[in-house]
Amino acid sequence: MIARPKMLAGLGLAASLLLPVAALALGVWYGGSVLRQNVESEIAQAGPEVAAQGAAAAADAIIKELESRGLDAGPVRDLITGAVG
């Protein structure tokens, strides 16, 4: 009889499926906090005129800037509005 390394193959398959999901979750987790810090610093640098407009206007300005640079803001639209407001 020939032994087949089913357990090792199963661990490799599980790792190849679960590690990318974990990396994505960690990226969103840490990326969201960095996005929040960057947005807050941009608002602080912009001064009181942006603060007077409110957080919703700042989120709209960020989304418009992303779209003007050719980036699709659709996937991160909720994240931006949640981070700012």
N, C-alpha and C. Protein backbone atom coordinates (compact mmCIF):
# COMPACT_ATOMS: atom_id res chain seq x y z
N MET A 1 0.84 -1.17 0.00
CA MET A 1 0.00 0.00 0.00
C MET A 1 0.89 1.24 0.00
N ILE A 2 0.41 2.24 -0.70
CA ILE A 2 1.12 3.51 -0.79
C ILE A 2 0.39 4.53 0.07
N ALA A 3 1.12 5.17 0.95
CA ALA A 3 0.51 6.20 1.81
C ALA A 3 0.36 7.49 1.02
N ARG A 4 -0.77 8.07 1.14
CA ARG A 4 -1.03 9.35 0.46
C ARG A 4 -1.15 10.45 1.50
N PRO A 5 -0.45 11.54 1.29
CA PRO A 5 -0.46 12.62 2.30
C PRO A 5 -1.71 13.48 2.22
N LYS A 6 -2.85 12.88 2.59
CA LYS A 6 -4.12 13.59 2.50
C LYS A 6 -4.21 14.74 3.52
N MET A 7 -3.65 14.52 4.67
CA MET A 7 -3.75 15.55 5.70
C MET A 7 -2.93 16.78 5.31
N LEU A 8 -1.74 16.56 4.80
CA LEU A 8 -0.90 17.68 4.38
C LEU A 8 -1.55 18.43 3.21
N ALA A 9 -2.12 17.71 2.28
CA ALA A 9 -2.81 18.35 1.17
C ALA A 9 -4.03 19.13 1.65
N GLY A 10 -4.75 18.57 2.62
CA GLY A 10 -5.90 19.26 3.19
C GLY A 10 -5.51 20.53 3.91
N LEU A 11 -4.41 20.49 4.65
CA LEU A 11 -3.92 21.70 5.33
C LEU A 11 -3.49 22.75 4.32
N GLY A 12 -2.83 22.31 3.25
CA GLY A 12 -2.43 23.26 2.21
C GLY A 12 -3.62 23.90 1.54
N LEU A 13 -4.64 23.11 1.26
CA LEU A 13 -5.86 23.65 0.65
C LEU A 13 -6.56 24.62 1.59
N ALA A 14 -6.67 24.25 2.85
CA ALA A 14 -7.33 25.12 3.82
C ALA A 14 -6.56 26.43 3.97
N ALA A 15 -5.24 26.35 4.02
CA ALA A 15 -4.43 27.56 4.15
C ALA A 15 -4.56 28.44 2.92
N SER A 16 -4.62 27.83 1.73
CA SER A 16 -4.74 28.64 0.51
C SER A 16 -6.10 29.30 0.40
N LEU A 17 -7.09 28.79 1.08
CA LEU A 17 -8.42 29.40 1.05
C LEU A 17 -8.63 30.40 2.20
N LEU A 18 -8.08 30.12 3.36
CA LEU A 18 -8.36 30.95 4.53
C LEU A 18 -7.38 32.10 4.70
N LEU A 19 -6.12 31.93 4.34
CA LEU A 19 -5.16 33.00 4.54
C LEU A 19 -5.46 34.25 3.72
N PRO A 20 -5.86 34.14 2.45
CA PRO A 20 -6.23 35.38 1.74
C PRO A 20 -7.42 36.10 2.35
N VAL A 21 -8.38 35.36 2.86
CA VAL A 21 -9.53 35.98 3.50
C VAL A 21 -9.09 36.72 4.77
N ALA A 22 -8.22 36.10 5.53
CA ALA A 22 -7.70 36.74 6.74
C ALA A 22 -6.88 37.98 6.38
N ALA A 23 -6.09 37.90 5.33
CA ALA A 23 -5.29 39.06 4.90
C ALA A 23 -6.20 40.20 4.46
N LEU A 24 -7.27 39.89 3.76
CA LEU A 24 -8.22 40.91 3.33
C LEU A 24 -8.88 41.57 4.53
N ALA A 25 -9.29 40.77 5.50
CA ALA A 25 -9.94 41.31 6.70
C ALA A 25 -8.98 42.22 7.47
N LEU A 26 -7.74 41.80 7.62
CA LEU A 26 -6.77 42.64 8.33
C LEU A 26 -6.46 43.90 7.55
N GLY A 27 -6.40 43.80 6.23
CA GLY A 27 -6.16 44.98 5.40
C GLY A 27 -7.26 46.01 5.53
N VAL A 28 -8.50 45.55 5.53
CA VAL A 28 -9.63 46.46 5.69
C VAL A 28 -9.63 47.06 7.09
N TRP A 29 -9.31 46.24 8.08
CA TRP A 29 -9.29 46.71 9.47
C TRP A 29 -8.26 47.82 9.66
N TYR A 30 -7.02 47.55 9.29
CA TYR A 30 -5.97 48.54 9.47
C TYR A 30 -6.06 49.67 8.46
N GLY A 31 -6.49 49.38 7.26
CA GLY A 31 -6.64 50.42 6.24
C GLY A 31 -7.73 51.40 6.59
N GLY A 32 -8.80 50.93 7.23
CA GLY A 32 -9.87 51.82 7.64
C GLY A 32 -9.41 52.83 8.67
N SER A 33 -8.61 52.40 9.63
CA SER A 33 -8.12 53.34 10.63
C SER A 33 -7.15 54.35 10.03
N VAL A 34 -6.33 53.90 9.09
CA VAL A 34 -5.40 54.83 8.42
C VAL A 34 -6.18 55.82 7.56
N LEU A 35 -7.22 55.33 6.89
CA LEU A 35 -8.07 56.22 6.10
C LEU A 35 -8.71 57.27 6.99
N ARG A 36 -9.19 56.87 8.15
CA ARG A 36 -9.80 57.81 9.09
C ARG A 36 -8.79 58.87 9.53
N GLN A 37 -7.57 58.45 9.86
CA GLN A 37 -6.54 59.40 10.28
C GLN A 37 -6.21 60.38 9.16
N ASN A 38 -6.10 59.87 7.93
CA ASN A 38 -5.78 60.75 6.80
C ASN A 38 -6.91 61.74 6.53
N VAL A 39 -8.14 61.28 6.62
CA VAL A 39 -9.27 62.17 6.39
C VAL A 39 -9.32 63.24 7.47
N GLU A 40 -9.12 62.84 8.71
CA GLU A 40 -9.15 63.82 9.80
C GLU A 40 -8.03 64.84 9.67
N SER A 41 -6.84 64.41 9.25
CA SER A 41 -5.75 65.37 9.09
C SER A 41 -6.00 66.30 7.91
N GLU A 42 -6.59 65.78 6.83
CA GLU A 42 -6.94 66.63 5.69
C GLU A 42 -7.98 67.67 6.09
N ILE A 43 -8.96 67.27 6.87
CA ILE A 43 -9.99 68.21 7.32
C ILE A 43 -9.37 69.26 8.24
N ALA A 44 -8.46 68.84 9.12
CA ALA A 44 -7.81 69.78 10.02
C ALA A 44 -6.94 70.77 9.25
N GLN A 45 -6.29 70.32 8.18
CA GLN A 45 -5.46 71.21 7.39
C GLN A 45 -6.30 72.17 6.56
N ALA A 46 -7.47 71.74 6.16
CA ALA A 46 -8.32 72.58 5.32
C ALA A 46 -8.86 73.78 6.09
N GLY A 47 -8.95 73.65 7.39
CA GLY A 47 -9.35 74.79 8.20
C GLY A 47 -10.82 74.84 8.51
N PRO A 48 -11.23 75.97 9.07
CA PRO A 48 -12.61 76.09 9.55
C PRO A 48 -13.66 76.13 8.44
N GLU A 49 -13.27 76.50 7.21
CA GLU A 49 -14.30 76.54 6.16
C GLU A 49 -14.83 75.16 5.84
N VAL A 50 -13.97 74.14 5.89
CA VAL A 50 -14.45 72.78 5.66
C VAL A 50 -15.20 72.27 6.88
N ALA A 51 -14.73 72.62 8.06
CA ALA A 51 -15.42 72.21 9.28
C ALA A 51 -16.83 72.81 9.35
N ALA A 52 -16.98 74.01 8.83
CA ALA A 52 -18.29 74.66 8.82
C ALA A 52 -19.24 73.96 7.85
N GLN A 53 -18.70 73.38 6.79
CA GLN A 53 -19.54 72.69 5.81
C GLN A 53 -20.09 71.39 6.37
N GLY A 54 -19.36 70.78 7.28
CA GLY A 54 -19.82 69.54 7.89
C GLY A 54 -19.13 68.33 7.30
N ALA A 55 -19.30 67.23 7.97
CA ALA A 55 -18.62 66.00 7.59
C ALA A 55 -19.16 65.43 6.28
N ALA A 56 -20.44 65.58 6.02
CA ALA A 56 -21.02 65.04 4.79
C ALA A 56 -20.42 65.71 3.57
N ALA A 57 -20.21 67.02 3.64
CA ALA A 57 -19.61 67.73 2.51
C ALA A 57 -18.16 67.31 2.32
N ALA A 58 -17.47 67.05 3.41
CA ALA A 58 -16.08 66.59 3.31
C ALA A 58 -16.03 65.21 2.67
N ALA A 59 -16.95 64.33 3.03
CA ALA A 59 -17.00 63.00 2.42
C ALA A 59 -17.30 63.10 0.93
N ASP A 60 -18.22 63.98 0.55
CA ASP A 60 -18.53 64.17 -0.87
C ASP A 60 -17.32 64.71 -1.62
N ALA A 61 -16.56 65.60 -1.00
CA ALA A 61 -15.36 66.14 -1.64
C ALA A 61 -14.30 65.06 -1.84
N ILE A 62 -14.16 64.17 -0.88
CA ILE A 62 -13.20 63.08 -1.00
C ILE A 62 -13.60 62.14 -2.12
N ILE A 63 -14.87 61.81 -2.19
CA ILE A 63 -15.36 60.91 -3.24
C ILE A 63 -15.19 61.55 -4.61
N LYS A 64 -15.50 62.84 -4.73
CA LYS A 64 -15.32 63.53 -6.01
C LYS A 64 -13.85 63.56 -6.42
N GLU A 65 -12.95 63.74 -5.45
CA GLU A 65 -11.52 63.75 -5.74
C GLU A 65 -11.05 62.39 -6.23
N LEU A 66 -11.53 61.33 -5.60
CA LEU A 66 -11.18 59.98 -6.04
C LEU A 66 -11.66 59.73 -7.46
N GLU A 67 -12.89 60.15 -7.74
CA GLU A 67 -13.45 59.94 -9.08
C GLU A 67 -12.76 60.80 -10.12
N SER A 68 -12.30 61.99 -9.74
CA SER A 68 -11.60 62.84 -10.70
C SER A 68 -10.24 62.26 -11.06
N ARG A 69 -9.69 61.44 -10.17
CA ARG A 69 -8.42 60.78 -10.45
C ARG A 69 -8.60 59.46 -11.16
N GLY A 70 -9.83 59.14 -11.52
CA GLY A 70 -10.10 57.93 -12.29
C GLY A 70 -10.29 56.69 -11.45
N LEU A 71 -10.50 56.85 -10.15
CA LEU A 71 -10.70 55.70 -9.27
C LEU A 71 -12.19 55.51 -9.02
N ASP A 72 -12.61 54.26 -8.93
CA ASP A 72 -13.99 53.94 -8.63
C ASP A 72 -14.20 54.00 -7.12
N ALA A 73 -14.95 54.96 -6.67
CA ALA A 73 -15.18 55.14 -5.24
C ALA A 73 -16.32 54.28 -4.73
N GLY A 74 -16.97 53.54 -5.59
CA GLY A 74 -18.11 52.73 -5.19
C GLY A 74 -17.84 51.76 -4.05
N PRO A 75 -16.75 50.96 -4.14
CA PRO A 75 -16.51 49.99 -3.07
C PRO A 75 -16.17 50.62 -1.72
N VAL A 76 -15.63 51.83 -1.71
CA VAL A 76 -15.22 52.44 -0.44
C VAL A 76 -16.10 53.63 -0.05
N ARG A 77 -17.17 53.85 -0.79
CA ARG A 77 -18.05 54.99 -0.53
C ARG A 77 -18.61 54.94 0.90
N ASP A 78 -19.11 53.78 1.31
CA ASP A 78 -19.67 53.64 2.66
C ASP A 78 -18.60 53.78 3.73
N LEU A 79 -17.40 53.29 3.43
CA LEU A 79 -16.30 53.40 4.38
C LEU A 79 -15.90 54.86 4.59
N ILE A 80 -15.88 55.61 3.50
CA ILE A 80 -15.51 57.04 3.59
C ILE A 80 -16.56 57.82 4.36
N THR A 81 -17.81 57.62 4.03
CA THR A 81 -18.86 58.35 4.73
C THR A 81 -18.93 57.93 6.20
N GLY A 82 -18.64 56.66 6.50
CA GLY A 82 -18.63 56.22 7.89
C GLY A 82 -17.43 56.77 8.65
N ALA A 83 -16.29 56.89 7.97
CA ALA A 83 -15.09 57.38 8.65
C ALA A 83 -15.18 58.88 8.92
N VAL A 84 -15.80 59.61 8.01
CA VAL A 84 -15.89 61.06 8.17
C VAL A 84 -17.06 61.45 9.05
N GLY A 85 -18.17 60.82 8.83
CA GLY A 85 -19.36 61.23 9.57
C GLY A 85 -19.68 60.24 10.57
